[in-house]
Structure formats: structure tokens, C-alpha cells
Amino acid sequence: MPALDWIWTAWNRLSDERPAEIIGMAMAMGGMSIRSKPLRIPWTSVLTWSRYHGHSPDDLAFLDHCICEMDTEYMNWWAEQQKQAA
């Protein structure tokens, strides 16, 4: 739906604000396996984006809800990719 492109744009741009968690494990003979696990886009980033673009409080609430749902899907996809790679 073209009317909702602004949500997709926000999620894509705010993905750069996404923090990461470093996960890993030590292996025999001093080896180590480390990777970065993406975390959710911070709410403060969504708020800043929304204020910058002049969104109403209702638009902010809708955007926040959509980004949370999109993040859930993204994290599920990421976890599945990790399982397949192992």
C-alpha cells in the first residue's frame, strides 16, 4: 500500500539506530566464535524520527506499533538464518 510507504521508509532508515548484542563462545585451543545479534530499534529513535517529520501523536503510536511488529519479524528471520548457518 503506497499510503504506508512512510512506515517502511522509517523502519529502513531507523535500522541504522539498531543496537547489537555481541554473542559468542570460547572454543578449544584458544579459538572463539563471535557474532553480532541485532536488537530492537530504540523507542527514542522512533520518537525523534516522528518529531522530526511532524507526525501527530496518533501517527507516532501507529509508527511505533508497526516498527515493533516489523522488528519482531526481522528478529525471527535473523534467528532462523542463524539456525540454518549452524
Protein backbone atom coordinates (compact mmCIF):
# COMPACT_ATOMS: atom_id res chain seq x y z
CA MET A 1 0.00 0.00 0.00
CA PRO A 2 1.66 3.23 -1.11
CA ALA A 3 -0.09 5.13 1.69
CA LEU A 4 2.02 3.18 4.20
CA ASP A 5 5.39 3.64 2.46
CA TRP A 6 6.37 6.16 5.15
CA ILE A 7 6.40 3.33 7.71
CA TRP A 8 8.67 1.15 5.56
CA THR A 9 10.95 4.14 4.97
CA ALA A 10 11.14 4.89 8.69
CA TRP A 11 11.91 1.26 9.58
CA ASN A 12 14.65 1.06 6.96
CA ARG A 13 16.27 4.33 7.96
CA LEU A 14 15.97 3.65 11.69
CA SER A 15 17.58 0.25 11.30
CA ASP A 16 20.88 2.11 11.42
CA GLU A 17 19.96 3.06 15.00
CA ARG A 18 19.50 -0.59 15.94
CA PRO A 19 21.87 -1.66 18.72
CA ALA A 20 23.57 -5.02 18.63
CA GLU A 21 24.47 -7.57 21.24
CA ILE A 22 27.76 -9.39 20.92
CA ILE A 23 27.32 -13.11 21.44
CA GLY A 24 29.92 -15.80 21.25
CA MET A 25 31.69 -18.71 22.81
CA ALA A 26 35.22 -19.82 23.51
CA MET A 27 36.50 -22.93 21.77
CA ALA A 28 39.29 -25.37 22.35
CA MET A 29 42.84 -24.26 21.65
CA GLY A 30 42.02 -20.58 22.20
CA GLY A 31 39.55 -20.20 19.37
CA MET A 32 36.48 -18.03 19.62
CA SER A 33 33.21 -17.67 17.75
CA ILE A 34 31.71 -14.19 17.99
CA ARG A 35 28.84 -12.58 16.13
CA SER A 36 26.58 -9.62 16.47
CA LYS A 37 22.88 -10.14 17.26
CA PRO A 38 20.55 -7.29 16.25
CA LEU A 39 18.30 -5.81 18.90
CA ARG A 40 15.12 -3.74 18.56
CA ILE A 41 15.12 -0.20 17.20
CA PRO A 42 15.02 2.05 20.28
CA TRP A 43 11.78 3.83 21.01
CA THR A 44 13.69 7.08 21.40
CA SER A 45 14.78 6.78 17.77
CA VAL A 46 11.16 6.32 16.68
CA LEU A 47 10.15 9.33 18.77
CA THR A 48 12.92 11.50 17.30
CA TRP A 49 12.02 10.42 13.76
CA SER A 50 8.36 11.15 14.36
CA ARG A 51 9.02 14.58 15.84
CA TYR A 52 11.39 15.48 13.02
CA HIS A 53 8.73 14.62 10.44
CA GLY A 54 5.96 16.43 12.32
CA HIS A 55 3.80 13.38 12.98
CA SER A 56 0.78 13.59 15.24
CA PRO A 57 0.69 11.59 18.50
CA ASP A 58 -1.61 9.08 16.77
CA ASP A 59 0.86 8.69 13.89
CA LEU A 60 3.68 8.20 16.39
CA ALA A 61 1.70 5.47 18.17
CA PHE A 62 0.91 3.76 14.86
CA LEU A 63 4.52 4.02 13.67
CA ASP A 64 5.81 2.63 16.97
CA HIS A 65 3.39 -0.30 16.77
CA CYS A 66 4.39 -1.05 13.16
CA ILE A 67 8.11 -0.82 13.88
CA CYS A 68 7.73 -3.19 16.85
CA GLU A 69 5.93 -5.70 14.64
CA MET A 70 8.46 -5.33 11.84
CA ASP A 71 11.31 -5.75 14.32
CA THR A 72 9.71 -8.95 15.62
CA GLU A 73 9.57 -10.34 12.09
CA TYR A 74 13.13 -9.24 11.38
CA MET A 75 14.47 -10.83 14.57
CA ASN A 76 12.61 -14.08 13.85
CA TRP A 77 14.11 -14.07 10.34
CA TRP A 78 17.59 -13.37 11.75
CA ALA A 79 17.28 -16.22 14.27
CA GLU A 80 16.19 -18.60 11.51
CA GLN A 81 19.18 -17.57 9.38
CA GLN A 82 21.47 -18.34 12.31
CA LYS A 83 19.95 -21.81 12.74
CA GLN A 84 20.44 -22.58 9.06
CA ALA A 85 24.03 -21.37 9.14
CA ALA A 86 24.91 -23.58 12.12
